[in-house]
C-alpha atoms as a PDB file:
ATOM      1  CA  MET A   1     106.027 120.901  79.642  1.00  0.00           C
ATOM      2  CA  PRO A   2     102.542 122.197  80.537  1.00  0.00           C
ATOM      3  CA  PRO A   3     100.946 120.592  83.605  1.00  0.00           C
ATOM      4  CA  THR A   4      98.876 117.517  82.898  1.00  0.00           C
ATOM      5  CA  ALA A   5      95.132 118.058  83.298  1.00  0.00           C
ATOM      6  CA  PRO A   6      93.504 115.949  86.016  1.00  0.00           C
ATOM      7  CA  ALA A   7      91.931 112.749  84.721  1.00  0.00           C
ATOM      8  CA  ALA A   8      88.157 112.933  84.343  1.00  0.00           C
ATOM      9  CA  ARG A   9      85.925 110.476  86.162  1.00  0.00           C
ATOM     10  CA  PRO A  10      82.179 110.071  86.762  1.00  0.00           C
ATOM     11  CA  THR A  11      81.234 112.277  89.719  1.00  0.00           C
ATOM     12  CA  ARG A  12      77.879 112.382  91.464  1.00  0.00           C
ATOM     13  CA  VAL A  13      76.470 115.881  90.986  1.00  0.00           C
ATOM     14  CA  TRP A  14      72.686 115.522  91.218  1.00  0.00           C
ATOM     15  CA  ASP A  15      71.423 113.411  94.089  1.00  0.00           C
ATOM     16  CA  LEU A  16      68.357 111.227  93.547  1.00  0.00           C
ATOM     17  CA  PRO A  17      65.926 113.567  95.389  1.00  0.00           C
ATOM     18  CA  THR A  18      66.977 116.479  93.154  1.00  0.00           C
ATOM     19  CA  ARG A  19      66.563 114.405  90.026  1.00  0.00           C
ATOM     20  CA  ALA A  20      63.149 113.168  91.154  1.00  0.00           C
ATOM     21  CA  PHE A  21      62.104 116.728  91.932  1.00  0.00           C
ATOM     22  CA  HIS A  22      63.188 117.890  88.479  1.00  0.00           C
ATOM     23  CA  TRP A  23      61.319 115.256  86.479  1.00  0.00           C
ATOM     24  CA  VAL A  24      58.178 115.232  88.626  1.00  0.00           C
ATOM     25  CA  LEU A  25      58.016 119.031  88.390  1.00  0.00           C
ATOM     26  CA  ALA A  26      58.424 118.901  84.602  1.00  0.00           C
ATOM     27  CA  ALA A  27      55.598 116.370  84.255  1.00  0.00           C
ATOM     28  CA  THR A  28      53.409 118.299  86.680  1.00  0.00           C
ATOM     29  CA  ILE A  29      53.835 121.585  84.811  1.00  0.00           C
ATOM     30  CA  VAL A  30      52.833 119.908  81.549  1.00  0.00           C
ATOM     31  CA  GLY A  31      49.836 118.293  83.221  1.00  0.00           C
ATOM     32  CA  SER A  32      48.786 121.566  84.842  1.00  0.00           C
ATOM     33  CA  VAL A  33      48.842 123.459  81.546  1.00  0.00           C
ATOM     34  CA  ILE A  34      46.864 120.726  79.783  1.00  0.00           C
ATOM     35  CA  THR A  35      44.202 120.356  82.483  1.00  0.00           C
ATOM     36  CA  GLY A  36      43.904 124.128  82.805  1.00  0.00           C
ATOM     37  CA  HIS A  37      43.076 124.423  79.103  1.00  0.00           C
ATOM     38  CA  VAL A  38      40.763 121.411  78.967  1.00  0.00           C
ATOM     39  CA  GLY A  39      38.583 122.728  81.797  1.00  0.00           C
ATOM     40  CA  GLY A  40      35.435 120.900  82.903  1.00  0.00           C
ATOM     41  CA  SER A  41      36.088 117.886  85.105  1.00  0.00           C
ATOM     42  CA  ALA A  42      39.813 118.207  84.364  1.00  0.00           C
ATOM     43  CA  VAL A  43      39.884 121.226  86.684  1.00  0.00           C
ATOM     44  CA  VAL A  44      39.841 118.817  89.627  1.00  0.00           C
ATOM     45  CA  TRP A  45      43.175 117.456  88.429  1.00  0.00           C
ATOM     46  CA  HIS A  46      44.398 120.966  87.732  1.00  0.00           C
ATOM     47  CA  PHE A  47      43.936 121.757  91.422  1.00  0.00           C
ATOM     48  CA  ARG A  48      45.575 118.513  92.509  1.00  0.00           C
ATOM     49  CA  LEU A  49      48.571 119.146  90.297  1.00  0.00           C
ATOM     50  CA  GLY A  50      48.767 122.681  91.670  1.00  0.00           C
ATOM     51  CA  TYR A  51      48.959 121.298  95.198  1.00  0.00           C
ATOM     52  CA  LEU A  52      51.718 118.969  94.022  1.00  0.00           C
ATOM     53  CA  VAL A  53      53.634 121.928  92.572  1.00  0.00           C
ATOM     54  CA  LEU A  54      53.269 123.701  95.919  1.00  0.00           C
ATOM     55  CA  GLY A  55      54.752 120.691  97.673  1.00  0.00           C
ATOM     56  CA  LEU A  56      57.579 120.436  95.161  1.00  0.00           C
ATOM     57  CA  ILE A  57      58.495 124.096  95.598  1.00  0.00           C
ATOM     58  CA  VAL A  58      58.577 123.815  99.387  1.00  0.00           C
ATOM     59  CA  PHE A  59      60.601 120.599  99.129  1.00  0.00           C
ATOM     60  CA  ARG A  60      63.131 122.275  96.813  1.00  0.00           C
ATOM     61  CA  LEU A  61      63.489 125.244  99.141  1.00  0.00           C
ATOM     62  CA  VAL A  62      64.270 122.934 102.043  1.00  0.00           C
ATOM     63  CA  TRP A  63      66.484 120.693  99.925  1.00  0.00           C
ATOM     64  CA  GLY A  64      68.366 123.756  98.775  1.00  0.00           C
ATOM     65  CA  LEU A  65      69.548 124.088 102.356  1.00  0.00           C
ATOM     66  CA  VAL A  66      70.179 120.472 103.350  1.00  0.00           C
ATOM     67  CA  GLY A  67      70.521 118.493 100.100  1.00  0.00           C
ATOM     68  CA  GLY A  68      73.564 117.271  98.204  1.00  0.00           C
ATOM     69  CA  ARG A  69      76.452 119.692  97.751  1.00  0.00           C
ATOM     70  CA  TRP A  70      75.556 120.825  94.223  1.00  0.00           C
ATOM     71  CA  SER A  71      71.834 120.979  94.964  1.00  0.00           C
ATOM     72  CA  ARG A  72      72.328 123.498  97.746  1.00  0.00           C
ATOM     73  CA  PHE A  73      71.664 127.138  96.985  1.00  0.00           C
ATOM     74  CA  ALA A  74      75.048 127.981  98.466  1.00  0.00           C
ATOM     75  CA  SER A  75      76.664 126.280  95.455  1.00  0.00           C
ATOM     76  CA  PHE A  76      74.865 128.379  92.839  1.00  0.00           C
ATOM     77  CA  VAL A  77      74.028 131.756  94.361  1.00  0.00           C
ATOM     78  CA  TYR A  78      76.361 133.986  92.370  1.00  0.00           C
ATOM     79  CA  ALA A  79      77.260 137.633  92.844  1.00  0.00           C
ATOM     80  CA  PRO A  80      76.520 139.962  89.887  1.00  0.00           C
ATOM     81  CA  ALA A  81      80.264 140.321  89.286  1.00  0.00           C
ATOM     82  CA  THR A  82      80.589 136.550  88.948  1.00  0.00           C
ATOM     83  CA  LEU A  83      77.750 136.477  86.436  1.00  0.00           C
ATOM     84  CA  LEU A  84      79.492 139.154  84.372  1.00  0.00           C
ATOM     85  CA  ARG A  85      82.771 137.219  84.514  1.00  0.00           C
ATOM     86  CA  TYR A  86      80.966 134.103  83.305  1.00  0.00           C
ATOM     87  CA  LEU A  87      79.410 135.975  80.398  1.00  0.00           C
ATOM     88  CA  ARG A  88      82.862 137.275  79.436  1.00  0.00           C
ATOM     89  CA  GLY A  89      84.276 133.752  79.602  1.00  0.00           C
ATOM     90  CA  ASP A  90      86.509 134.645  82.544  1.00  0.00           C
ATOM     91  CA  THR A  91      86.685 131.400  84.518  1.00  0.00           C
ATOM     92  CA  ARG A  92      88.909 131.229  87.569  1.00  0.00           C
ATOM     93  CA  PRO A  93      90.159 128.271  89.632  1.00  0.00           C
ATOM     94  CA  GLY A  94      87.515 127.151  92.084  1.00  0.00           C
ATOM     95  CA  ASP A  95      84.555 128.521  90.097  1.00  0.00           C
ATOM     96  CA  HIS A  96      83.190 125.038  89.285  1.00  0.00           C
ATOM     97  CA  PHE A  97      80.812 126.508  86.684  1.00  0.00           C
ATOM     98  CA  GLU A  98      80.839 123.214  84.808  1.00  0.00           C
ATOM     99  CA  VAL A  99      79.739 121.122  87.781  1.00  0.00           C
ATOM    100  CA  GLY A 100      76.296 122.194  88.982  1.00  0.00           C
ATOM    101  CA  HIS A 101      74.301 125.199  87.829  1.00  0.00           C
ATOM    102  CA  ASN A 102      76.347 127.856  86.082  1.00  0.00           C
ATOM    103  CA  PRO A 103      75.363 131.512  86.708  1.00  0.00           C
ATOM    104  CA  LEU A 104      72.850 131.611  83.850  1.00  0.00           C
ATOM    105  CA  GLY A 105      71.399 128.265  84.858  1.00  0.00           C
ATOM    106  CA  ALA A 106      71.080 129.516  88.426  1.00  0.00           C
ATOM    107  CA  LEU A 107      69.087 132.531  87.243  1.00  0.00           C
ATOM    108  CA  SER A 108      66.792 130.162  85.353  1.00  0.00           C
ATOM    109  CA  VAL A 109      66.228 128.016  88.442  1.00  0.00           C
ATOM    110  CA  PHE A 110      65.409 130.936  90.714  1.00  0.00           C
ATOM    111  CA  ALA A 111      63.185 132.602  88.100  1.00  0.00           C
ATOM    112  CA  LEU A 112      61.163 129.426  87.561  1.00  0.00           C
ATOM    113  CA  LEU A 113      60.757 128.778  91.284  1.00  0.00           C
ATOM    114  CA  ALA A 114      59.643 132.372  91.862  1.00  0.00           C
ATOM    115  CA  VAL A 115      57.136 132.386  88.996  1.00  0.00           C
ATOM    116  CA  LEU A 116      55.763 128.981  90.013  1.00  0.00           C
ATOM    117  CA  ALA A 117      55.370 130.193  93.591  1.00  0.00           C
ATOM    118  CA  VAL A 118      53.335 133.185  92.397  1.00  0.00           C
ATOM    119  CA  GLN A 119      51.284 130.941  90.103  1.00  0.00           C
ATOM    120  CA  VAL A 120      50.482 128.524  92.915  1.00  0.00           C
ATOM    121  CA  GLY A 121      49.751 131.394  95.300  1.00  0.00           C
ATOM    122  CA  THR A 122      47.289 132.995  92.892  1.00  0.00           C
ATOM    123  CA  GLY A 123      45.685 129.603  92.318  1.00  0.00           C
ATOM    124  CA  LEU A 124      45.152 129.131  96.044  1.00  0.00           C
ATOM    125  CA  ILE A 125      43.099 132.338  96.252  1.00  0.00           C
ATOM    126  CA  ALA A 126      41.530 132.234  92.778  1.00  0.00           C
ATOM    127  CA  ASP A 127      37.815 132.433  91.963  1.00  0.00           C
ATOM    128  CA  ASP A 128      36.644 131.759  88.400  1.00  0.00           C
ATOM    129  CA  GLU A 129      33.109 132.971  89.268  1.00  0.00           C
ATOM    130  CA  ILE A 130      31.698 129.719  87.920  1.00  0.00           C
ATOM    131  CA  ALA A 131      32.281 126.696  90.116  1.00  0.00           C
ATOM    132  CA  ASN A 132      35.909 126.705  91.229  1.00  0.00           C
ATOM    133  CA  THR A 133      37.664 128.598  93.995  1.00  0.00           C
ATOM    134  CA  GLY A 134      41.036 128.077  95.601  1.00  0.00           C
ATOM    135  CA  PRO A 135      41.075 126.787  99.189  1.00  0.00           C
ATOM    136  CA  LEU A 136      42.321 130.121 100.526  1.00  0.00           C
ATOM    137  CA  ASN A 137      39.928 132.318  98.551  1.00  0.00           C
ATOM    138  CA  ARG A 138      37.766 132.874 101.622  1.00  0.00           C
ATOM    139  CA  TYR A 139      40.628 134.739 103.285  1.00  0.00           C
ATOM    140  CA  VAL A 140      40.971 137.471 100.637  1.00  0.00           C
ATOM    141  CA  ALA A 141      38.750 140.227  99.300  1.00  0.00           C
ATOM    142  CA  THR A 142      36.654 139.458  96.208  1.00  0.00           C
ATOM    143  CA  ALA A 143      38.640 141.912  94.101  1.00  0.00           C
ATOM    144  CA  THR A 144      41.900 140.276  95.181  1.00  0.00           C
ATOM    145  CA  GLY A 145      40.627 136.824  94.238  1.00  0.00           C
ATOM    146  CA  LEU A 146      39.476 138.009  90.821  1.00  0.00           C
ATOM    147  CA  ALA A 147      42.775 139.780  90.153  1.00  0.00           C
ATOM    148  CA  ALA A 148      44.668 136.622  91.163  1.00  0.00           C
ATOM    149  CA  THR A 149      42.502 134.559  88.817  1.00  0.00           C
ATOM    150  CA  ALA A 150      43.184 136.912  85.901  1.00  0.00           C
ATOM    151  CA  TRP A 151      46.938 136.636  86.428  1.00  0.00           C
ATOM    152  CA  HIS A 152      46.782 132.868  86.974  1.00  0.00           C
ATOM    153  CA  LYS A 153      44.875 132.243  83.731  1.00  0.00           C
ATOM    154  CA  ASP A 154      46.742 134.703  81.534  1.00  0.00           C
ATOM    155  CA  GLY A 155      50.070 136.361  82.364  1.00  0.00           C
ATOM    156  CA  GLY A 156      51.292 133.806  84.872  1.00  0.00           C
ATOM    157  CA  GLN A 157      50.550 130.833  82.660  1.00  0.00           C
ATOM    158  CA  TRP A 158      52.292 132.304  79.619  1.00  0.00           C
ATOM    159  CA  LEU A 159      55.279 133.396  81.662  1.00  0.00           C
ATOM    160  CA  ILE A 160      55.769 129.828  82.879  1.00  0.00           C
ATOM    161  CA  ILE A 161      55.475 128.490  79.329  1.00  0.00           C
ATOM    162  CA  ALA A 162      58.032 131.055  78.164  1.00  0.00           C
ATOM    163  CA  LEU A 163      60.491 130.045  80.893  1.00  0.00           C
ATOM    164  CA  VAL A 164      60.066 126.368  80.049  1.00  0.00           C
ATOM    165  CA  VAL A 165      60.662 127.048  76.339  1.00  0.00           C
ATOM    166  CA  LEU A 166      63.752 129.087  77.251  1.00  0.00           C
ATOM    167  CA  HIS A 167      64.982 126.225  79.455  1.00  0.00           C
ATOM    168  CA  VAL A 168      64.540 123.667  76.689  1.00  0.00           C
ATOM    169  CA  GLY A 169      66.179 126.036  74.219  1.00  0.00           C
ATOM    170  CA  ALA A 170      69.211 126.355  76.499  1.00  0.00           C
ATOM    171  CA  ILE A 171      69.495 122.558  76.691  1.00  0.00           C
ATOM    172  CA  VAL A 172      69.459 122.311  72.897  1.00  0.00           C
ATOM    173  CA  PHE A 173      71.979 125.153  72.574  1.00  0.00           C
ATOM    174  CA  TYR A 174      74.456 123.556  74.979  1.00  0.00           C
ATOM    175  CA  LEU A 175      74.114 120.199  73.242  1.00  0.00           C
ATOM    176  CA  ARG A 176      74.490 121.413  69.668  1.00  0.00           C
ATOM    177  CA  ARG A 177      76.862 124.348  70.068  1.00  0.00           C
ATOM    178  CA  LYS A 178      79.006 123.249  73.010  1.00  0.00           C
ATOM    179  CA  GLY A 179      78.590 119.502  72.922  1.00  0.00           C
ATOM    180  CA  VAL A 180      77.415 119.454  76.539  1.00  0.00           C
ATOM    181  CA  ASN A 181      74.562 117.097  77.392  1.00  0.00           C
ATOM    182  CA  LEU A 182      72.634 118.603  80.313  1.00  0.00           C
ATOM    183  CA  VAL A 183      69.911 115.961  80.296  1.00  0.00           C
ATOM    184  CA  ARG A 184      72.006 112.847  80.917  1.00  0.00           C
ATOM    185  CA  PRO A 185      73.368 114.010  84.307  1.00  0.00           C
ATOM    186  CA  MET A 186      69.810 114.773  85.434  1.00  0.00           C
ATOM    187  CA  LEU A 187      68.953 111.171  84.596  1.00  0.00           C
ATOM    188  CA  THR A 188      72.016 109.364  85.927  1.00  0.00           C
ATOM    189  CA  GLY A 189      73.168 111.883  88.521  1.00  0.00           C
ATOM    190  CA  ASP A 190      76.781 111.834  87.285  1.00  0.00           C
ATOM    191  CA  LYS A 191      78.997 114.087  85.189  1.00  0.00           C
ATOM    192  CA  LEU A 192      82.434 113.339  83.785  1.00  0.00           C
ATOM    193  CA  LEU A 193      84.543 115.809  85.768  1.00  0.00           C
ATOM    194  CA  PRO A 194      88.208 116.310  86.698  1.00  0.00           C
ATOM    195  CA  GLU A 195      89.413 114.038  89.446  1.00  0.00           C
ATOM    196  CA  GLY A 196      89.185 115.805  92.771  1.00  0.00           C
ATOM    197  CA  THR A 197      85.866 117.533  92.069  1.00  0.00           C
ATOM    198  CA  PRO A 198      83.841 117.169  95.288  1.00  0.00           C
ATOM    199  CA  PRO A 199      80.752 114.984  94.767  1.00  0.00           C
ATOM    200  CA  SER A 200      77.281 115.383  96.205  1.00  0.00           C
ATOM    201  CA  ALA A 201      76.219 113.019  98.950  1.00  0.00           C
ATOM    202  CA  ASP A 202      73.619 110.590  97.610  1.00  0.00           C
ATOM    203  CA  GLY A 203      73.642 107.618  99.920  1.00  0.00           C
ATOM    204  CA  VAL A 204      70.947 105.955 101.981  1.00  0.00           C
ATOM    205  CA  ALA A 205      71.063 108.646 104.666  1.00  0.00           C
ATOM    206  CA  THR A 206      70.566 111.400 102.090  1.00  0.00           C
ATOM    207  CA  ARG A 207      67.596 109.648 100.521  1.00  0.00           C
ATOM    208  CA  LEU A 208      66.009 108.847 103.875  1.00  0.00           C
ATOM    209  CA  GLY A 209      66.431 112.485 104.817  1.00  0.00           C
ATOM    210  CA  ALA A 210      64.667 113.494 101.606  1.00  0.00           C
ATOM    211  CA  ALA A 211      61.820 111.110 102.416  1.00  0.00           C
ATOM    212  CA  VAL A 212      61.406 112.728 105.828  1.00  0.00           C
ATOM    213  CA  VAL A 213      61.383 116.197 104.254  1.00  0.00           C
ATOM    214  CA  ALA A 214      58.851 115.043 101.644  1.00  0.00           C
ATOM    215  CA  ALA A 215      56.571 113.621 104.340  1.00  0.00           C
ATOM    216  CA  GLY A 216      56.699 116.874 106.276  1.00  0.00           C
ATOM    217  CA  VAL A 217      55.967 118.878 103.129  1.00  0.00           C
ATOM    218  CA  ALA A 218      53.028 116.616 102.278  1.00  0.00           C
ATOM    219  CA  ALA A 219      51.577 117.205 105.738  1.00  0.00           C
ATOM    220  CA  LEU A 220      52.015 120.964 105.337  1.00  0.00           C
ATOM    221  CA  VAL A 221      50.313 121.050 101.932  1.00  0.00           C
ATOM    222  CA  THR A 222      47.457 118.887 103.226  1.00  0.00           C
ATOM    223  CA  TRP A 223      46.934 121.338 106.072  1.00  0.00           C
ATOM    224  CA  VAL A 224      46.942 124.343 103.713  1.00  0.00           C
ATOM    225  CA  VAL A 225      44.363 122.709 101.453  1.00  0.00           C
ATOM    226  CA  SER A 226      42.202 121.804 104.470  1.00  0.00           C
ATOM    227  CA  LEU A 227      41.870 125.477 105.347  1.00  0.00           C
ATOM    228  CA  GLY A 228      39.355 125.707 102.537  1.00  0.00           C
ATOM    229  CA  GLY A 229      36.942 123.551 104.516  1.00  0.00           C
END
């Protein structure tokens, strides 16, 4: 007889800080795109949301080192050979592709964080030559500020929108073609996984630690913004 598969049980994969980061970032990106297009007095909120994105990125970078098991970068930094194996459908014991971010999902996460970091960075030094400048614009040459503004308003914005559309498309694909709901675990934190799958820590200590990290990040972002005088 073939060996019996381990019984599946709800397993904590995404800790609360990771889930909060995900949904706040999603809402902030939408708000940033809207306020950027509306212009006028909405630009004030565009800047505020940009500062929030900066804080979220820094938080995620720190949380990727100290957060729950499946939120840590160590759990989803894959070698090129592993990515190729995944694309070929070659899954080996211990891969855990179905638990956290699979290799393609990992690429999506890193790409979005990188593009958002560039978008925030260009926003910090931007100058629209009308009434709005980023808080760090004074520290760069005029030509640099104008080039950053051009990227921020055009290429950078559309690249972010494209990545978001690709992300949503992947969610729909996995749901309709593979029957895998990627949204529910990001809401509840749990996935139905084989017994013995190691869970992420998500207790009081983890959440208090996230609060401390968030407070430190908020102080850092406040200091960066204050450099603009």
